[in-house]
């Protein structure tokens, strides 16, 4: 995505290296799947470095990407 004057910084940072809507949807779905997978993995003691903070962080990132996609679709910013 190219930076235009009407694109906010938070939307540009979300999709700066993604050029298509399909790529953005793949990114959002991958983040959503990883968010869901973090919930049961955080209960297992053999993976100590993944805890509930990963689930919260991934939820926030997925929400950010989804809101950026909504803004981009609403303002026809895709090439």
C-alpha atoms as a PDB file:
ATOM      1  CA  UNK A   1       0.000   0.000   0.000  1.00  0.00           C
ATOM      2  CA  UNK A   2       1.325   3.385  -0.953  1.00  0.00           C
ATOM      3  CA  UNK A   3       1.105   6.245   1.522  1.00  0.00           C
ATOM      4  CA  UNK A   4      -1.414   8.813   0.361  1.00  0.00           C
ATOM      5  CA  UNK A   5      -2.367  12.032   2.095  1.00  0.00           C
ATOM      6  CA  UNK A   6      -5.781  10.765   3.193  1.00  0.00           C
ATOM      7  CA  UNK A   7      -4.531   7.517   4.806  1.00  0.00           C
ATOM      8  CA  UNK A   8      -4.011   7.758   8.572  1.00  0.00           C
ATOM      9  CA  UNK A   9      -0.701   6.578   9.989  1.00  0.00           C
ATOM     10  CA  UNK A  10      -2.272   3.701  11.975  1.00  0.00           C
ATOM     11  CA  UNK A  11      -3.789   2.260   8.774  1.00  0.00           C
ATOM     12  CA  UNK A  12      -0.599   2.707   6.789  1.00  0.00           C
ATOM     13  CA  UNK A  13       1.475   0.992   9.478  1.00  0.00           C
ATOM     14  CA  UNK A  14      -0.909  -1.959   9.522  1.00  0.00           C
ATOM     15  CA  UNK A  15      -0.683  -2.619   5.784  1.00  0.00           C
ATOM     16  CA  UNK A  16       2.528  -0.894   4.694  1.00  0.00           C
ATOM     17  CA  UNK A  17       4.006  -4.072   3.183  1.00  0.00           C
ATOM     18  CA  UNK A  18       0.718  -5.558   1.951  1.00  0.00           C
ATOM     19  CA  UNK A  19      -0.489  -4.527  -1.460  1.00  0.00           C
ATOM     20  CA  UNK A  20      -3.840  -6.278  -1.827  1.00  0.00           C
ATOM     21  CA  UNK A  21      -7.006  -6.827   0.135  1.00  0.00           C
ATOM     22  CA  UNK A  22      -6.525 -10.586  -0.163  1.00  0.00           C
ATOM     23  CA  UNK A  23      -3.127 -10.308   1.526  1.00  0.00           C
ATOM     24  CA  UNK A  24      -4.676  -8.266   4.329  1.00  0.00           C
ATOM     25  CA  UNK A  25      -7.399 -10.870   4.831  1.00  0.00           C
ATOM     26  CA  UNK A  26      -4.801 -13.655   4.999  1.00  0.00           C
ATOM     27  CA  UNK A  27      -2.900 -11.664   7.637  1.00  0.00           C
ATOM     28  CA  UNK A  28      -6.047 -11.086   9.694  1.00  0.00           C
ATOM     29  CA  UNK A  29      -7.085 -14.756   9.544  1.00  0.00           C
ATOM     30  CA  UNK A  30      -3.582 -15.913  10.502  1.00  0.00           C
ATOM     31  CA  UNK A  31      -3.586 -13.566  13.495  1.00  0.00           C
ATOM     32  CA  UNK A  32      -7.062 -14.729  14.520  1.00  0.00           C
ATOM     33  CA  UNK A  33      -6.044 -18.393  14.342  1.00  0.00           C
ATOM     34  CA  UNK A  34      -2.899 -17.734  16.363  1.00  0.00           C
ATOM     35  CA  UNK A  35      -4.977 -15.842  18.945  1.00  0.00           C
ATOM     36  CA  UNK A  36      -7.308 -18.806  19.375  1.00  0.00           C
ATOM     37  CA  UNK A  37      -4.378 -21.237  19.545  1.00  0.00           C
ATOM     38  CA  UNK A  38      -2.704 -19.193  22.273  1.00  0.00           C
ATOM     39  CA  UNK A  39      -5.574 -19.900  24.679  1.00  0.00           C
ATOM     40  CA  UNK A  40      -5.020 -23.662  25.184  1.00  0.00           C
ATOM     41  CA  UNK A  41      -1.246 -23.438  24.721  1.00  0.00           C
ATOM     42  CA  UNK A  42      -0.967 -20.960  27.585  1.00  0.00           C
ATOM     43  CA  UNK A  43      -2.292 -23.635  29.993  1.00  0.00           C
ATOM     44  CA  UNK A  44       0.449 -26.147  29.230  1.00  0.00           C
ATOM     45  CA  UNK A  45       3.456 -25.842  31.545  1.00  0.00           C
ATOM     46  CA  UNK A  46       5.924 -27.192  28.974  1.00  0.00           C
ATOM     47  CA  UNK A  47       5.687 -23.995  26.950  1.00  0.00           C
ATOM     48  CA  UNK A  48       6.554 -21.426  29.581  1.00  0.00           C
ATOM     49  CA  UNK A  49       7.177 -18.464  27.303  1.00  0.00           C
ATOM     50  CA  UNK A  50       3.591 -18.378  25.969  1.00  0.00           C
ATOM     51  CA  UNK A  51       1.188 -17.132  28.601  1.00  0.00           C
ATOM     52  CA  UNK A  52      -2.053 -15.169  28.694  1.00  0.00           C
ATOM     53  CA  UNK A  53      -0.312 -11.956  27.698  1.00  0.00           C
ATOM     54  CA  UNK A  54       0.235 -13.432  24.212  1.00  0.00           C
ATOM     55  CA  UNK A  55      -3.499 -14.002  23.850  1.00  0.00           C
ATOM     56  CA  UNK A  56      -4.283 -10.428  24.857  1.00  0.00           C
ATOM     57  CA  UNK A  57      -1.609  -8.982  22.590  1.00  0.00           C
ATOM     58  CA  UNK A  58      -2.716 -11.057  19.593  1.00  0.00           C
ATOM     59  CA  UNK A  59      -6.345 -10.094  20.184  1.00  0.00           C
ATOM     60  CA  UNK A  60      -5.379  -6.414  20.157  1.00  0.00           C
ATOM     61  CA  UNK A  61      -3.283  -6.816  16.989  1.00  0.00           C
ATOM     62  CA  UNK A  62      -6.073  -8.712  15.216  1.00  0.00           C
ATOM     63  CA  UNK A  63      -8.554  -5.996  16.184  1.00  0.00           C
ATOM     64  CA  UNK A  64      -6.153  -3.311  14.891  1.00  0.00           C
ATOM     65  CA  UNK A  65      -5.772  -5.088  11.534  1.00  0.00           C
ATOM     66  CA  UNK A  66      -9.521  -5.595  11.242  1.00  0.00           C
ATOM     67  CA  UNK A  67     -10.255  -1.928  11.980  1.00  0.00           C
ATOM     68  CA  UNK A  68      -7.584  -0.865   9.476  1.00  0.00           C
ATOM     69  CA  UNK A  69      -9.172  -3.129   6.861  1.00  0.00           C
ATOM     70  CA  UNK A  70     -12.606  -1.609   7.550  1.00  0.00           C
ATOM     71  CA  UNK A  71     -11.180   1.908   7.165  1.00  0.00           C
ATOM     72  CA  UNK A  72      -9.397   0.967   3.946  1.00  0.00           C
ATOM     73  CA  UNK A  73     -12.508  -0.633   2.472  1.00  0.00           C
ATOM     74  CA  UNK A  74     -14.710   2.284   3.473  1.00  0.00           C
ATOM     75  CA  UNK A  75     -12.389   4.859   1.885  1.00  0.00           C
ATOM     76  CA  UNK A  76     -11.459   2.801  -1.201  1.00  0.00           C
ATOM     77  CA  UNK A  77      -7.738   3.007  -0.491  1.00  0.00           C
ATOM     78  CA  UNK A  78      -6.806  -0.274  -2.199  1.00  0.00           C
ATOM     79  CA  UNK A  79      -5.048   0.042  -5.547  1.00  0.00           C
END
